[in-house]
Amino acid sequence: MKKTDLQKLGQKELEEKLRELQQQLIKERAQIARGTQVKNPYIIKNTRKAIARILQLLQQKEVTQKA
């Protein structure tokens, strides 16, 4: 997910997307732990990056609201 797409979302939508991505990451890691073949090995990397982008945007929004 691109940063520009995420910037258009509101805080509640970002938090919802964050929970969704965290659940997806847990499922993918569990799949690897079970030893099953992962469909796309880069999905974990991409999911982690998307989570980091969302957390960064949430933090920026929090700082701007305080200021």
C-alpha atoms as a PDB file:
ATOM      1  CA  MET A   1       0.000   0.000   0.000  1.00  0.00           C
ATOM      2  CA  LYS A   2       1.389   3.370  -0.994  1.00  0.00           C
ATOM      3  CA  LYS A   3       1.950   6.213   1.417  1.00  0.00           C
ATOM      4  CA  THR A   4      -0.244   8.567  -0.614  1.00  0.00           C
ATOM      5  CA  ASP A   5      -3.140   6.114  -0.360  1.00  0.00           C
ATOM      6  CA  LEU A   6      -2.692   5.862   3.385  1.00  0.00           C
ATOM      7  CA  GLN A   7      -2.535   9.641   3.864  1.00  0.00           C
ATOM      8  CA  LYS A   8      -6.053   9.946   2.469  1.00  0.00           C
ATOM      9  CA  LEU A   9      -7.449   7.697   5.208  1.00  0.00           C
ATOM     10  CA  GLY A  10      -8.712   8.952   8.553  1.00  0.00           C
ATOM     11  CA  GLN A  11      -7.311   7.894  11.901  1.00  0.00           C
ATOM     12  CA  LYS A  12      -9.967   5.240  12.570  1.00  0.00           C
ATOM     13  CA  GLU A  13      -9.519   3.783   9.104  1.00  0.00           C
ATOM     14  CA  LEU A  14      -5.747   3.652   9.609  1.00  0.00           C
ATOM     15  CA  GLU A  15      -6.153   1.869  12.929  1.00  0.00           C
ATOM     16  CA  GLU A  16      -8.542  -0.597  11.307  1.00  0.00           C
ATOM     17  CA  LYS A  17      -6.095  -1.231   8.453  1.00  0.00           C
ATOM     18  CA  LEU A  18      -3.288  -1.646  11.010  1.00  0.00           C
ATOM     19  CA  ARG A  19      -5.211  -4.367  12.863  1.00  0.00           C
ATOM     20  CA  GLU A  20      -6.001  -6.097   9.583  1.00  0.00           C
ATOM     21  CA  LEU A  21      -2.339  -6.099   8.501  1.00  0.00           C
ATOM     22  CA  GLN A  22      -1.170  -7.319  11.904  1.00  0.00           C
ATOM     23  CA  GLN A  23      -3.589 -10.250  11.689  1.00  0.00           C
ATOM     24  CA  GLN A  24      -2.355 -11.033   8.184  1.00  0.00           C
ATOM     25  CA  LEU A  25       1.253 -10.993   9.410  1.00  0.00           C
ATOM     26  CA  ILE A  26       0.419 -13.377  12.246  1.00  0.00           C
ATOM     27  CA  LYS A  27      -1.250 -15.789   9.810  1.00  0.00           C
ATOM     28  CA  GLU A  28       1.702 -15.716   7.420  1.00  0.00           C
ATOM     29  CA  ARG A  29       4.225 -16.287  10.206  1.00  0.00           C
ATOM     30  CA  ALA A  30       2.157 -19.168  11.565  1.00  0.00           C
ATOM     31  CA  GLN A  31       2.084 -20.708   8.100  1.00  0.00           C
ATOM     32  CA  ILE A  32       5.873 -20.564   7.940  1.00  0.00           C
ATOM     33  CA  ALA A  33       6.191 -21.990  11.454  1.00  0.00           C
ATOM     34  CA  ARG A  34       4.050 -24.971  10.421  1.00  0.00           C
ATOM     35  CA  GLY A  35       6.394 -25.577   7.531  1.00  0.00           C
ATOM     36  CA  THR A  36       3.880 -25.062   4.765  1.00  0.00           C
ATOM     37  CA  GLN A  37       4.797 -23.431   1.491  1.00  0.00           C
ATOM     38  CA  VAL A  38       4.076 -19.708   1.365  1.00  0.00           C
ATOM     39  CA  LYS A  39       2.400 -18.449  -1.810  1.00  0.00           C
ATOM     40  CA  ASN A  40       4.370 -15.222  -1.909  1.00  0.00           C
ATOM     41  CA  PRO A  41       7.537 -15.033   0.208  1.00  0.00           C
ATOM     42  CA  TYR A  42       7.672 -11.240  -0.037  1.00  0.00           C
ATOM     43  CA  ILE A  43       4.267 -10.777   1.565  1.00  0.00           C
ATOM     44  CA  ILE A  44       5.776 -10.690   5.071  1.00  0.00           C
ATOM     45  CA  LYS A  45       8.263  -8.011   4.087  1.00  0.00           C
ATOM     46  CA  ASN A  46       5.596  -5.938   2.368  1.00  0.00           C
ATOM     47  CA  THR A  47       3.185  -6.320   5.281  1.00  0.00           C
ATOM     48  CA  ARG A  48       5.815  -5.223   7.781  1.00  0.00           C
ATOM     49  CA  LYS A  49       6.579  -2.163   5.675  1.00  0.00           C
ATOM     50  CA  ALA A  50       2.894  -1.266   5.394  1.00  0.00           C
ATOM     51  CA  ILE A  51       2.512  -1.572   9.175  1.00  0.00           C
ATOM     52  CA  ALA A  52       5.501   0.721   9.670  1.00  0.00           C
ATOM     53  CA  ARG A  53       4.027   3.283   7.256  1.00  0.00           C
ATOM     54  CA  ILE A  54       0.706   3.278   9.089  1.00  0.00           C
ATOM     55  CA  LEU A  55       2.372   3.622  12.488  1.00  0.00           C
ATOM     56  CA  GLN A  56       4.429   6.534  11.188  1.00  0.00           C
ATOM     57  CA  LEU A  57       1.347   8.295   9.826  1.00  0.00           C
ATOM     58  CA  LEU A  58      -0.559   7.743  13.067  1.00  0.00           C
ATOM     59  CA  GLN A  59       2.333   9.188  15.033  1.00  0.00           C
ATOM     60  CA  GLN A  60       2.546  12.213  12.711  1.00  0.00           C
ATOM     61  CA  LYS A  61      -1.188  12.844  13.056  1.00  0.00           C
ATOM     62  CA  GLU A  62      -0.902  12.624  16.833  1.00  0.00           C
ATOM     63  CA  VAL A  63       1.932  15.159  16.900  1.00  0.00           C
ATOM     64  CA  THR A  64       0.081  17.603  14.637  1.00  0.00           C
ATOM     65  CA  GLN A  65      -3.033  17.381  16.798  1.00  0.00           C
ATOM     66  CA  LYS A  66      -1.019  18.245  19.911  1.00  0.00           C
ATOM     67  CA  ALA A  67       0.621  21.238  18.245  1.00  0.00           C
END
